[in-house]
Protein backbone atom coordinates (compact mmCIF):
# COMPACT_ATOMS: atom_id res chain seq x y z
CA UNK A 1 10.89 -11.86 5.54
CA UNK A 2 7.20 -11.87 6.46
CA UNK A 3 7.24 -9.11 9.28
CA UNK A 4 4.93 -6.59 7.95
CA UNK A 5 3.30 -5.27 11.14
CA UNK A 6 0.45 -3.05 10.59
CA UNK A 7 0.10 -2.13 14.18
CA UNK A 8 3.55 -0.70 14.36
CA UNK A 9 3.03 1.19 11.12
CA UNK A 10 -0.31 2.67 12.09
CA UNK A 11 0.65 3.46 15.73
CA UNK A 12 3.49 5.52 14.44
CA UNK A 13 1.21 7.81 12.41
CA UNK A 14 0.14 10.00 15.30
CA UNK A 15 3.65 10.84 16.34
CA UNK A 16 5.71 11.04 13.15
CA UNK A 17 6.09 13.74 10.59
CA UNK A 18 7.36 13.34 7.13
CA UNK A 19 11.18 13.17 7.25
CA UNK A 20 13.39 14.77 4.63
CA UNK A 21 11.27 17.93 4.04
CA UNK A 22 12.84 21.32 3.70
CA UNK A 23 12.54 22.22 7.38
CA UNK A 24 14.75 25.21 7.18
CA UNK A 25 13.99 26.57 3.74
CA UNK A 26 13.95 30.26 3.27
CA UNK A 27 10.72 30.39 1.43
CA UNK A 28 7.71 30.67 3.81
CA UNK A 29 4.93 28.64 2.31
CA UNK A 30 2.33 29.45 4.99
CA UNK A 31 2.93 33.23 4.48
CA UNK A 32 2.69 32.85 0.77
CA UNK A 33 -0.68 30.97 0.98
CA UNK A 34 -1.98 33.38 3.54
CA UNK A 35 -1.60 36.35 1.04
CA UNK A 36 -4.22 34.84 -1.20
CA UNK A 37 -5.92 33.13 1.60
CA UNK A 38 -9.68 32.72 1.44
CA UNK A 39 -11.31 30.04 3.66
CA UNK A 40 -14.28 27.93 2.67
CA UNK A 41 -16.56 26.25 5.18
CA UNK A 42 -20.17 25.67 6.16
CA UNK A 43 -20.97 27.14 9.55
CA UNK A 44 -22.35 24.05 11.31
CA UNK A 45 -22.41 25.95 14.73
CA UNK A 46 -24.30 29.15 13.65
CA UNK A 47 -26.64 30.63 16.06
CA UNK A 48 -29.00 32.35 13.51
CA UNK A 49 -31.85 30.65 11.65
CA UNK A 50 -34.69 28.28 12.46
CA UNK A 51 -34.50 25.51 15.07
CA UNK A 52 -35.01 23.03 12.18
CA UNK A 53 -32.07 24.43 10.21
CA UNK A 54 -29.69 24.49 13.24
CA UNK A 55 -30.70 20.95 14.18
CA UNK A 56 -29.77 19.82 10.65
CA UNK A 57 -26.48 21.51 10.74
CA UNK A 58 -25.79 19.90 14.25
CA UNK A 59 -25.49 16.51 12.50
CA UNK A 60 -22.06 17.64 11.25
CA UNK A 61 -18.94 18.74 13.12
CA UNK A 62 -16.22 20.81 11.60
CA UNK A 63 -12.59 19.98 11.04
CA UNK A 64 -9.69 21.92 9.64
CA UNK A 65 -7.80 20.51 6.69
CA UNK A 66 -4.16 21.30 7.27
CA UNK A 67 -0.69 19.68 6.81
CA UNK A 68 2.93 20.47 7.61
CA UNK A 69 3.78 22.96 4.89
CA UNK A 70 7.51 22.86 5.74
CA UNK A 71 7.74 19.55 3.85
CA UNK A 72 7.04 21.41 0.56
CA UNK A 73 9.37 23.00 -1.89
CA UNK A 74 8.85 26.47 -3.04
CA UNK A 75 7.42 25.28 -6.39
CA UNK A 76 5.18 22.65 -4.71
CA UNK A 77 3.80 25.36 -2.53
CA UNK A 78 3.19 27.62 -5.49
CA UNK A 79 1.18 24.89 -7.22
CA UNK A 80 -1.49 24.70 -4.50
CA UNK A 81 -3.33 27.92 -5.50
CA UNK A 82 -3.65 26.82 -9.07
CA UNK A 83 -4.84 23.23 -8.08
CA UNK A 84 -7.40 24.61 -5.71
CA UNK A 85 -8.59 27.15 -8.41
CA UNK A 86 -9.01 24.27 -10.75
CA UNK A 87 -11.03 22.46 -8.08
CA UNK A 88 -13.32 25.43 -7.71
CA UNK A 89 -14.49 24.87 -11.28
CA UNK A 90 -15.41 21.28 -10.44
CA UNK A 91 -17.41 22.77 -7.57
CA UNK A 92 -19.32 24.89 -9.99
CA UNK A 93 -19.90 22.01 -12.48
CA UNK A 94 -21.10 19.61 -9.69
CA UNK A 95 -23.72 22.16 -8.47
CA UNK A 96 -25.17 22.10 -12.02
CA UNK A 97 -25.01 18.34 -12.17
CA UNK A 98 -26.59 17.81 -8.73
CA UNK A 99 -29.11 20.58 -8.69
CA UNK A 100 -29.01 23.36 -11.26
CA UNK A 101 -28.65 27.15 -10.60
CA UNK A 102 -26.91 27.33 -7.32
CA UNK A 103 -27.25 31.16 -6.80
CA UNK A 104 -30.95 31.08 -7.59
CA UNK A 105 -31.55 28.50 -4.91
CA UNK A 106 -29.38 30.02 -2.18
CA UNK A 107 -30.91 33.51 -2.89
CA UNK A 108 -34.37 32.01 -2.44
CA UNK A 109 -33.69 30.57 0.97
CA UNK A 110 -34.30 33.16 3.69
CA UNK A 111 -33.49 30.93 6.68
CA UNK A 112 -29.64 31.35 7.06
CA UNK A 113 -29.39 27.92 8.81
CA UNK A 114 -31.17 26.16 5.93
CA UNK A 115 -29.11 28.12 3.45
CA UNK A 116 -25.87 26.80 4.99
CA UNK A 117 -27.41 23.25 4.98
CA UNK A 118 -28.23 23.57 1.29
CA UNK A 119 -24.53 24.55 0.68
CA UNK A 120 -23.43 21.45 2.40
CA UNK A 121 -25.75 19.23 0.44
CA UNK A 122 -25.32 20.99 -2.92
CA UNK A 123 -29.01 21.42 -3.13
CA UNK A 124 -32.20 21.30 -1.12
CA UNK A 125 -32.18 17.53 -0.31
CA UNK A 126 -30.68 16.00 2.78
CA UNK A 127 -27.99 13.55 1.60
CA UNK A 128 -27.77 11.87 4.93
CA UNK A 129 -31.53 11.96 5.59
CA UNK A 130 -32.64 9.88 2.63
CA UNK A 131 -32.61 12.88 0.16
CA UNK A 132 -35.73 14.26 1.78
CA UNK A 133 -36.19 17.88 0.91
CA UNK A 134 -35.74 20.39 3.76
CA UNK A 135 -37.05 23.29 1.63
CA UNK A 136 -40.80 23.60 1.37
CA UNK A 137 -42.24 23.14 -2.09
CA UNK A 138 -39.06 21.73 -3.75
CA UNK A 139 -40.43 18.20 -4.11
CA UNK A 140 -38.34 14.93 -4.37
CA UNK A 141 -34.86 14.83 -5.64
CA UNK A 142 -34.79 13.44 -9.23
CA UNK A 143 -33.15 10.01 -9.40
CA UNK A 144 -31.02 11.29 -12.24
CA UNK A 145 -30.14 14.57 -10.46
CA UNK A 146 -29.36 17.14 -13.19
CA UNK A 147 -27.87 14.68 -15.60
CA UNK A 148 -31.12 14.00 -17.44
CA UNK A 149 -34.36 15.91 -18.13
CA UNK A 150 -36.38 15.70 -14.93
CA UNK A 151 -39.39 14.17 -16.70
CA UNK A 152 -37.52 11.29 -18.46
CA UNK A 153 -38.48 7.77 -17.62
CA UNK A 154 -36.17 4.67 -17.74
CA UNK A 155 -38.25 3.23 -20.50
CA UNK A 156 -38.06 6.38 -22.72
CA UNK A 157 -34.31 6.70 -22.09
CA UNK A 158 -33.47 3.02 -22.83
CA UNK A 159 -35.50 3.14 -26.03
CA UNK A 160 -33.65 6.33 -27.14
CA UNK A 161 -30.22 4.93 -26.11
CA UNK A 162 -30.86 1.85 -28.24
CA UNK A 163 -30.71 4.24 -31.25
CA UNK A 164 -28.15 6.80 -29.85
CA UNK A 165 -25.55 5.00 -27.66
CA UNK A 166 -23.92 8.37 -26.80
CA UNK A 167 -26.77 9.00 -24.40
CA UNK A 168 -25.21 6.33 -22.03
CA UNK A 169 -21.83 8.12 -22.17
CA UNK A 170 -20.09 8.57 -18.87
CA UNK A 171 -19.17 12.17 -19.65
CA UNK A 172 -22.32 13.49 -21.15
CA UNK A 173 -25.39 15.52 -20.08
CA UNK A 174 -28.72 14.48 -21.56
CA UNK A 175 -31.09 17.16 -22.75
CA UNK A 176 -34.24 17.45 -24.82
CA UNK A 177 -34.25 19.17 -28.20
CA UNK A 178 -37.12 21.26 -29.31
CA UNK A 179 -38.81 18.22 -30.88
CA UNK A 180 -38.47 16.31 -27.54
CA UNK A 181 -35.68 14.08 -28.85
CA UNK A 182 -33.06 13.19 -26.30
CA UNK A 183 -29.55 14.42 -27.04
CA UNK A 184 -26.13 13.95 -25.40
CA UNK A 185 -23.84 16.89 -24.76
CA UNK A 186 -20.29 16.11 -23.83
CA UNK A 187 -19.14 17.64 -20.57
CA UNK A 188 -16.41 19.71 -22.28
CA UNK A 189 -19.18 21.37 -24.32
CA UNK A 190 -21.79 21.55 -21.62
CA UNK A 191 -19.40 23.14 -19.19
CA UNK A 192 -16.97 24.63 -21.63
CA UNK A 193 -16.08 27.80 -19.60
CA UNK A 194 -15.44 25.97 -16.38
CA UNK A 195 -13.47 23.10 -18.07
CA UNK A 196 -11.24 25.67 -19.80
CA UNK A 197 -10.46 27.58 -16.63
CA UNK A 198 -9.62 24.35 -14.81
CA UNK A 199 -7.41 23.20 -17.69
CA UNK A 200 -5.53 26.53 -17.68
CA UNK A 201 -4.97 26.18 -13.98
CA UNK A 202 -3.67 22.62 -14.25
CA UNK A 203 -1.33 23.68 -16.98
CA UNK A 204 -0.07 26.55 -14.75
CA UNK A 205 0.54 23.97 -11.96
CA UNK A 206 2.32 21.69 -14.46
CA UNK A 207 4.75 24.45 -15.24
CA UNK A 208 5.75 24.56 -11.60
CA UNK A 209 5.89 20.78 -11.10
CA UNK A 210 9.39 19.38 -10.44
CA UNK A 211 8.32 15.72 -10.70
CA UNK A 212 8.07 14.65 -14.30
CA UNK A 213 5.26 12.17 -13.72
CA UNK A 214 3.14 14.82 -12.10
CA UNK A 215 3.98 17.29 -14.76
CA UNK A 216 2.85 14.78 -17.47
CA UNK A 217 -0.30 13.87 -15.67
CA UNK A 218 -1.35 17.46 -15.16
CA UNK A 219 -0.85 18.30 -18.81
CA UNK A 220 -2.79 15.19 -19.96
CA UNK A 221 -5.62 15.89 -17.50
CA UNK A 222 -5.89 19.40 -18.74
CA UNK A 223 -6.33 17.97 -22.26
CA UNK A 224 -8.90 15.54 -20.91
CA UNK A 225 -11.09 18.17 -19.40
CA UNK A 226 -11.31 19.82 -22.88
CA UNK A 227 -12.04 16.53 -24.85
CA UNK A 228 -13.84 14.17 -22.34
CA UNK A 229 -11.24 11.51 -23.17
CA UNK A 230 -9.75 10.60 -19.81
CA UNK A 231 -7.98 7.29 -20.43
CA UNK A 232 -4.51 8.64 -21.27
CA UNK A 233 -4.50 10.82 -18.16
CA UNK A 234 -5.70 7.95 -16.00
CA UNK A 235 -2.78 5.89 -17.31
CA UNK A 236 -0.35 8.75 -16.64
CA UNK A 237 -1.84 9.04 -13.05
CA UNK A 238 -1.10 5.32 -12.46
CA UNK A 239 2.58 5.94 -13.55
CA UNK A 240 3.25 8.66 -10.93
CA UNK A 241 5.28 7.31 -8.01
CA UNK A 242 7.46 10.03 -6.44
CA UNK A 243 5.25 13.15 -6.43
CA UNK A 244 4.58 14.83 -3.18
CA UNK A 245 1.66 16.91 -4.36
CA UNK A 246 -1.39 14.99 -5.59
CA UNK A 247 -4.54 16.12 -7.28
CA UNK A 248 -7.64 14.04 -8.26
CA UNK A 249 -9.86 16.09 -10.52
CA UNK A 250 -12.64 15.65 -13.17
CA UNK A 251 -15.79 13.71 -13.44
CA UNK A 252 -15.10 10.39 -11.70
CA UNK A 253 -17.70 8.68 -9.51
CA UNK A 254 -21.18 7.71 -10.55
CA UNK A 255 -22.95 7.81 -7.23
CA UNK A 256 -24.94 10.97 -8.01
CA UNK A 257 -26.70 9.28 -10.93
CA UNK A 258 -29.30 7.14 -9.07
CA UNK A 259 -31.29 6.56 -12.23
CA UNK A 260 -28.81 4.37 -14.04
CA UNK A 261 -25.37 4.99 -12.51
CA UNK A 262 -24.10 5.97 -15.99
CA UNK A 263 -22.91 9.51 -15.31
CA UNK A 264 -19.79 10.62 -13.68
CA UNK A 265 -19.87 13.61 -11.33
CA UNK A 266 -17.28 16.42 -10.99
CA UNK A 267 -15.00 16.40 -7.98
CA UNK A 268 -11.55 17.39 -6.68
CA UNK A 269 -9.19 16.31 -4.03
CA UNK A 270 -5.80 18.22 -3.42
CA UNK A 271 -3.50 16.11 -1.26
CA UNK A 272 -0.02 16.14 0.19
CA UNK A 273 1.76 12.75 0.40
CA UNK A 274 3.60 11.58 3.45
CA UNK A 275 6.45 9.98 1.48
CA UNK A 276 8.13 7.94 4.23
CA UNK A 277 4.82 6.67 5.66
CA UNK A 278 3.53 5.69 2.15
CA UNK A 279 6.66 3.63 1.61
CA UNK A 280 5.79 1.54 4.63
CA UNK A 281 2.34 0.64 3.21
CA UNK A 282 3.51 -0.24 -0.38
CA UNK A 283 3.90 -3.88 0.31
CA UNK A 284 0.17 -4.64 0.69
CA UNK A 285 -0.75 -3.76 -2.85
CA UNK A 286 1.79 -6.24 -4.25
CA UNK A 287 -0.16 -9.13 -2.52
CA UNK A 288 -3.28 -8.78 -4.56
CA UNK A 289 -2.61 -11.75 -6.86
CA UNK A 290 -2.23 -14.08 -3.87
CA UNK A 291 -5.42 -12.70 -2.26
CA UNK A 292 -7.37 -12.87 -5.50
CA UNK A 293 -6.61 -16.51 -5.81
CA UNK A 294 -7.82 -17.28 -2.28
CA UNK A 295 -11.29 -15.73 -2.70
CA UNK A 296 -14.06 -17.91 -1.35
CA UNK A 297 -15.81 -18.26 -4.88
CA UNK A 298 -15.50 -20.69 -7.71
CA UNK A 299 -12.51 -20.11 -10.10
CA UNK A 300 -14.53 -18.48 -12.85
CA UNK A 301 -15.48 -15.55 -10.59
CA UNK A 302 -11.77 -14.82 -9.91
CA UNK A 303 -10.26 -15.43 -13.24
CA UNK A 304 -9.26 -11.81 -13.88
CA UNK A 305 -5.79 -10.89 -12.77
CA UNK A 306 -5.35 -7.61 -10.73
CA UNK A 307 -2.91 -5.23 -12.27
CA UNK A 308 0.52 -5.34 -10.69
CA UNK A 309 1.26 -1.64 -10.96
CA UNK A 310 -1.01 -0.75 -8.03
CA UNK A 311 0.30 1.25 -5.06
CA UNK A 312 -0.86 2.29 -1.70
CA UNK A 313 -0.04 5.68 -0.09
CA UNK A 314 -0.99 7.93 2.89
CA UNK A 315 -1.89 11.69 2.50
CA UNK A 316 -3.07 14.71 4.25
CA UNK A 317 -6.10 16.06 2.50
CA UNK A 318 -6.11 19.84 2.10
CA UNK A 319 -8.98 20.56 -0.31
CA UNK A 320 -12.21 18.71 -1.27
CA UNK A 321 -14.68 19.92 -3.95
CA UNK A 322 -17.80 18.86 -5.73
CA UNK A 323 -19.16 15.34 -5.51
CA UNK A 324 -16.61 14.26 -2.90
CA UNK A 325 -17.49 17.19 -0.58
CA UNK A 326 -21.38 16.64 -0.76
CA UNK A 327 -22.89 15.17 2.38
CA UNK A 328 -20.76 12.47 3.90
CA UNK A 329 -16.95 12.84 3.31
CA UNK A 330 -14.58 10.39 1.70
CA UNK A 331 -11.68 9.21 3.84
CA UNK A 332 -10.00 6.99 1.22
CA UNK A 333 -9.74 6.71 -2.55
CA UNK A 334 -9.46 3.92 -4.98
CA UNK A 335 -8.99 4.96 -8.62
CA UNK A 336 -9.21 5.00 -11.60
CA UNK A 337 -12.67 3.52 -12.24
CA UNK A 338 -11.86 2.69 -15.95
CA UNK A 339 -11.97 -1.12 -16.12
CA UNK A 340 -9.40 -1.25 -18.85
CA UNK A 341 -6.92 0.76 -16.85
CA UNK A 342 -7.59 -1.37 -13.79
CA UNK A 343 -6.88 -4.52 -15.65
CA UNK A 344 -3.69 -3.20 -17.39
CA UNK A 345 -2.20 -1.18 -14.42
CA UNK A 346 -4.32 -1.86 -11.41
CA UNK A 347 -5.47 1.09 -9.22
CA UNK A 348 -4.04 3.45 -6.70
CA UNK A 349 -5.20 3.56 -3.22
CA UNK A 350 -5.03 6.88 -1.32
CA UNK A 351 -5.52 6.90 2.48
CA UNK A 352 -6.62 10.38 3.79
CA UNK A 353 -5.24 9.96 7.15
CA UNK A 354 -6.16 13.42 8.63
CA UNK A 355 -9.74 13.03 7.65
CA UNK A 356 -9.73 9.44 8.79
CA UNK A 357 -8.37 10.48 12.27
CA UNK A 358 -11.10 13.09 12.51
CA UNK A 359 -13.87 10.57 11.95
CA UNK A 360 -12.42 8.08 14.33
CA UNK A 361 -12.02 10.61 17.20
CA UNK A 362 -15.18 12.67 16.74
CA UNK A 363 -17.58 9.87 15.50
CA UNK A 364 -16.55 6.37 15.87
CA UNK A 365 -15.23 6.39 19.36
CA UNK A 366 -18.39 8.02 20.80
CA UNK A 367 -20.59 5.59 18.90
CA UNK A 368 -18.67 2.69 20.30
CA UNK A 369 -19.14 4.03 23.81
CA UNK A 370 -22.97 3.79 23.31
CA UNK A 371 -23.54 0.84 21.10
CA UNK A 372 -20.68 -1.63 21.59
CA UNK A 373 -20.67 -4.05 24.58
CA UNK A 374 -18.33 -2.74 27.37
CA UNK A 375 -16.17 -5.82 27.40
CA UNK A 376 -15.50 -5.37 23.62
CA UNK A 377 -14.71 -1.69 23.54
CA UNK A 378 -11.01 -2.31 24.17
CA UNK A 379 -11.00 -3.63 20.54
CA UNK A 380 -11.95 -0.33 19.07
CA UNK A 381 -8.65 1.08 17.87
CA UNK A 382 -7.45 3.60 15.30
CA UNK A 383 -5.07 0.94 14.08
CA UNK A 384 -7.99 -1.31 13.13
CA UNK A 385 -10.06 1.58 11.78
CA UNK A 386 -7.19 2.56 9.47
CA UNK A 387 -6.44 -1.06 8.48
CA UNK A 388 -10.10 -1.80 7.70
CA UNK A 389 -10.42 1.48 5.61
CA UNK A 390 -7.06 0.79 3.85
CA UNK A 391 -7.98 -2.74 2.91
CA UNK A 392 -11.39 -1.75 1.79
CA UNK A 393 -9.72 0.38 -0.88
CA UNK A 394 -7.26 -2.35 -1.79
CA UNK A 395 -10.19 -4.77 -2.11
CA UNK A 396 -11.74 -2.78 -4.89
CA UNK A 397 -9.06 -4.37 -6.98
CA UNK A 398 -10.24 -7.91 -6.22
CA UNK A 399 -13.04 -9.85 -7.76
CA UNK A 400 -14.35 -9.26 -11.27
CA UNK A 401 -14.75 -6.13 -13.43
CA UNK A 402 -16.59 -7.74 -16.42
CA UNK A 403 -19.42 -10.27 -16.50
CA UNK A 404 -18.51 -13.92 -17.03
CA UNK A 405 -20.38 -13.98 -20.42
CA UNK A 406 -18.24 -11.02 -21.67
CA UNK A 407 -21.30 -9.00 -22.63
CA UNK A 408 -20.78 -6.07 -20.27
CA UNK A 409 -18.78 -4.50 -17.43
CA UNK A 410 -20.15 -5.16 -14.01
CA UNK A 411 -20.89 -1.54 -13.66
CA UNK A 412 -22.83 -1.47 -16.96
CA UNK A 413 -24.80 -4.61 -16.08
CA UNK A 414 -25.94 -3.60 -12.59
CA UNK A 415 -26.51 0.08 -13.42
CA UNK A 416 -27.88 2.00 -10.45
CA UNK A 417 -27.09 -0.82 -8.05
CA UNK A 418 -23.46 -1.20 -9.07
CA UNK A 419 -21.96 1.37 -6.71
CA UNK A 420 -23.73 0.03 -3.49
CA UNK A 421 -22.83 -3.54 -4.29
CA UNK A 422 -19.14 -2.62 -5.07
CA UNK A 423 -18.86 -0.68 -1.86
CA UNK A 424 -20.30 -3.68 0.02
CA UNK A 425 -17.75 -5.97 -1.82
CA UNK A 426 -14.92 -3.72 -0.80
CA UNK A 427 -15.99 -3.50 2.95
CA UNK A 428 -16.40 -7.22 3.25
CA UNK A 429 -13.31 -8.18 1.24
CA UNK A 430 -11.27 -5.73 3.32
CA UNK A 431 -12.10 -7.82 6.38
CA UNK A 432 -11.32 -10.98 4.44
CA UNK A 433 -7.91 -9.57 3.47
CA UNK A 434 -7.06 -8.88 7.11
CA UNK A 435 -7.94 -12.39 8.14
CA UNK A 436 -6.11 -13.90 5.15
CA UNK A 437 -2.97 -11.88 5.69
CA UNK A 438 -2.83 -12.90 9.31
CA UNK A 439 -3.08 -16.57 8.19
CA UNK A 440 -0.19 -15.94 5.69
CA UNK A 441 2.01 -14.35 8.26
CA UNK A 442 2.02 -11.03 6.42
CA UNK A 443 0.14 -9.24 9.31
CA UNK A 444 0.58 -9.30 12.99
CA UNK A 445 -2.61 -7.83 14.44
CA UNK A 446 -5.46 -8.89 16.72
CA UNK A 447 -8.26 -9.87 14.20
CA UNK A 448 -10.77 -9.14 17.07
CA UNK A 449 -9.75 -5.54 16.92
CA UNK A 450 -10.69 -5.41 13.21
CA UNK A 451 -13.97 -7.28 13.71
CA UNK A 452 -15.24 -5.09 16.56
CA UNK A 453 -14.18 -1.92 14.90
CA UNK A 454 -15.79 -3.27 11.55
CA UNK A 455 -19.03 -3.73 13.61
CA UNK A 456 -18.87 -0.31 15.06
CA UNK A 457 -18.15 1.10 11.70
CA UNK A 458 -21.45 -0.24 10.35
CA UNK A 459 -23.27 2.01 12.77
CA UNK A 460 -21.23 4.93 11.60
CA UNK A 461 -21.75 4.47 7.90
CA UNK A 462 -25.37 3.26 7.99
CA UNK A 463 -26.24 6.74 9.28
CA UNK A 464 -25.34 8.18 5.83
CA UNK A 465 -28.79 6.88 4.75
CA UNK A 466 -30.29 5.12 1.67
CA UNK A 467 -29.22 7.95 -0.72
CA UNK A 468 -25.62 6.98 -0.19
CA UNK A 469 -24.03 3.85 -1.82
CA UNK A 470 -21.99 3.39 1.35
CA UNK A 471 -25.07 3.75 3.47
CA UNK A 472 -26.98 1.13 1.53
CA UNK A 473 -24.00 -1.17 1.62
CA UNK A 474 -23.91 -1.01 5.40
CA UNK A 475 -27.61 -1.59 5.68
CA UNK A 476 -27.20 -4.75 3.60
CA UNK A 477 -24.30 -5.93 5.70
CA UNK A 478 -26.03 -5.23 9.08
CA UNK A 479 -29.13 -7.19 8.12
CA UNK A 480 -27.14 -10.09 6.48
CA UNK A 481 -24.88 -10.36 9.49
CA UNK A 482 -27.74 -10.22 11.89
CA UNK A 483 -29.44 -12.99 9.95
CA UNK A 484 -26.33 -15.10 10.25
CA UNK A 485 -25.86 -14.33 13.99
CA UNK A 486 -22.59 -12.53 13.43
CA UNK A 487 -23.47 -10.27 16.40
CA UNK A 488 -25.93 -10.19 19.30
CA UNK A 489 -27.71 -7.31 21.09
CA UNK A 490 -28.06 -7.12 24.83
CA UNK A 491 -31.62 -5.77 25.38
CA UNK A 492 -30.75 -4.56 28.84
CA UNK A 493 -27.83 -2.32 27.78
CA UNK A 494 -28.74 -1.72 24.19
CA UNK A 495 -25.24 -2.76 23.11
CA UNK A 496 -23.88 -5.20 20.52
CA UNK A 497 -21.31 -7.94 20.79
CA UNK A 498 -19.44 -9.45 17.84
CA UNK A 499 -19.47 -13.28 17.58
CA UNK A 500 -16.00 -13.78 16.06
CA UNK A 501 -16.56 -17.30 14.53
CA UNK A 502 -19.90 -16.45 13.06
CA UNK A 503 -18.63 -13.14 11.74
CA UNK A 504 -16.04 -15.04 9.62
CA UNK A 505 -18.79 -17.29 8.32
CA UNK A 506 -20.91 -14.32 7.45
CA UNK A 507 -18.04 -12.53 5.84
CA UNK A 508 -17.43 -15.55 3.48
CA UNK A 509 -21.00 -16.00 2.67
CA UNK A 510 -21.61 -12.42 1.72
CA UNK A 511 -18.39 -12.31 -0.24
CA UNK A 512 -19.57 -15.19 -2.36
CA UNK A 513 -23.00 -13.75 -2.94
CA UNK A 514 -21.75 -10.34 -4.03
CA UNK A 515 -19.09 -11.78 -6.31
CA UNK A 516 -21.56 -14.13 -7.94
CA UNK A 517 -23.97 -11.23 -8.48
CA UNK A 518 -21.19 -9.23 -10.08
CA UNK A 519 -19.88 -11.92 -12.32
CA UNK A 520 -23.30 -12.98 -13.45
CA UNK A 521 -24.36 -9.41 -14.10
CA UNK A 522 -27.58 -10.39 -12.38
CA UNK A 523 -29.43 -7.03 -12.23
CA UNK A 524 -32.76 -8.57 -11.13
CA UNK A 525 -31.15 -10.60 -8.49
CA UNK A 526 -29.25 -7.68 -7.10
CA UNK A 527 -32.40 -5.41 -7.21
CA UNK A 528 -34.31 -7.97 -5.14
CA UNK A 529 -31.38 -8.46 -2.79
CA UNK A 530 -31.01 -4.73 -2.21
CA UNK A 531 -34.76 -4.28 -1.80
CA UNK A 532 -34.81 -6.92 0.90
CA UNK A 533 -31.65 -6.11 2.80
CA UNK A 534 -30.95 -2.39 2.28
CA UNK A 535 -33.51 -1.38 4.92
CA UNK A 536 -33.18 0.04 8.44
CA UNK A 537 -35.52 -1.86 10.70
CA UNK A 538 -37.23 -0.39 13.76
CA UNK A 539 -34.71 -1.77 16.20
CA UNK A 540 -31.70 -0.41 14.37
CA UNK A 541 -33.51 2.89 13.79
CA UNK A 542 -34.14 3.26 17.61
CA UNK A 543 -30.44 2.76 18.27
CA UNK A 544 -29.34 5.23 15.60
CA UNK A 545 -31.91 7.65 17.03
CA UNK A 546 -30.22 7.30 20.42
CA UNK A 547 -26.92 8.46 18.76
CA UNK A 548 -28.60 11.52 17.39
CA UNK A 549 -30.16 12.30 20.74
CA UNK A 550 -26.69 12.09 22.40
CA UNK A 551 -25.44 14.71 19.99
CA UNK A 552 -22.97 12.36 18.23
CA UNK A 553 -22.42 13.93 14.75
CA UNK A 554 -23.10 11.91 11.65
CA UNK A 555 -20.19 13.25 9.64
CA UNK A 556 -17.60 16.11 9.29
CA UNK A 557 -17.46 19.31 7.27
CA UNK A 558 -14.29 20.95 6.38
CA UNK A 559 -12.73 24.24 7.08
CA UNK A 560 -10.46 24.42 4.08
CA UNK A 561 -8.64 26.61 1.50
CA UNK A 562 -5.60 28.75 1.34
CA UNK A 563 -6.67 30.72 4.33
CA UNK A 564 -6.73 27.60 6.49
CA UNK A 565 -3.32 26.37 5.21
CA UNK A 566 -1.75 29.73 5.77
CA UNK A 567 -2.80 30.25 9.37
């Protein structure tokens, strides 16, 4: 029966806890965690330091990552310190990938506010400010971060990679030998100590795991950290269904490599699944084949069949580390990125509902109060924000993963532009999915809520800046939608109104353009498209400046760790 009602599902979120947990268990999880309980946070409200540093910190607002610990068994609770300790190793690795010597940098910064801001950015470059240096004398951020020698050019690298294909490896650092030859070092060798410690902690957690799928995944992931061969553990991760504790760990996303997009950066999420809530969302992932068939592109651009083993779940996040904790914070996950795993098994979509709620309350609602027309503000709802975000992640499974001529993956063909285009695809196809599911009777929501919340979301995400794939994707969408008249701006009030019919037209047009770019592997076309549309014009910049002047934060920073969970 087609009665999946997202509004009822999402509205229940704020009021429901996970049922079936051990509410009266003798083991006190909070007290156990408090015993070892350190807390990690950047002080965004510090009173010390320069005015410049405190102004930079004020672009963020803090939020404590917690969950209802009573839902956890004793063994699940005892797993958490091991998983967080493993995540700490990814934190150390990411610092080296993003910058280099963390302690040397932090010790050199005398201004306490700027030092805190460097911690937040994992280096001296402002990730939500176009990667501009905020430390005098540092210079520009290398496009390849720390993955490559700082003086390497694209031409030199490509010439060397034509001879030594290992240089393009997803899990390798590129260094120069004494004779200036470029050489690839696998992550498990370059970061041997950190990988070994992380693997040991994952194995300790596996010993405590009651769920067989989680136990298998943790063991295989530990092996992967020591071999740089992640496919078996990705397959095992896809097979997990009933585990309450979740960890995403290892080198995963390629956003940090702005030179080519070849290198995966280290990160960690530790999550607690809301089992009953997740069960209510599972239906939508099963509709991918139908949605793929209906994409507004020629058949050859939708010939790949999404994996049918995908799932969709809701979580409370309790720990972020490394790449995912740098600058703007992730509120949903779609993994794994391995194209072969995606085609065989699909992907898993993880909605981080506590972090999502924080961004809605602290950022999106205040933005809407300034930039959305008063008569449309009633359409700004958490239901729609959750739905747009959820379907964004599901939409990563649509479209095409390999170029039509079979010569490359989309990621390989589009290189440094692949991430921004993929995020743009997921954003726009998320809205497409909502409209299509309404047509099919699978969703009973007001599409106007999703459209207006989608428009407001552009202003939220575009503030992440050009250094963020999500920021560039939103710049492209703002300019493309503006060109097609999908919204209008009232000069007298400085507010925007969505034109619902034209927004659908713009959605379909941008969907076709992005999917064609991906299927054709058209690097030059994408580069030209990004150069033209991924820009913030003076009018939009003036409106973004108004948000800053009003003190509306750009993003959140987490208070997290065992000390937060145990208090």
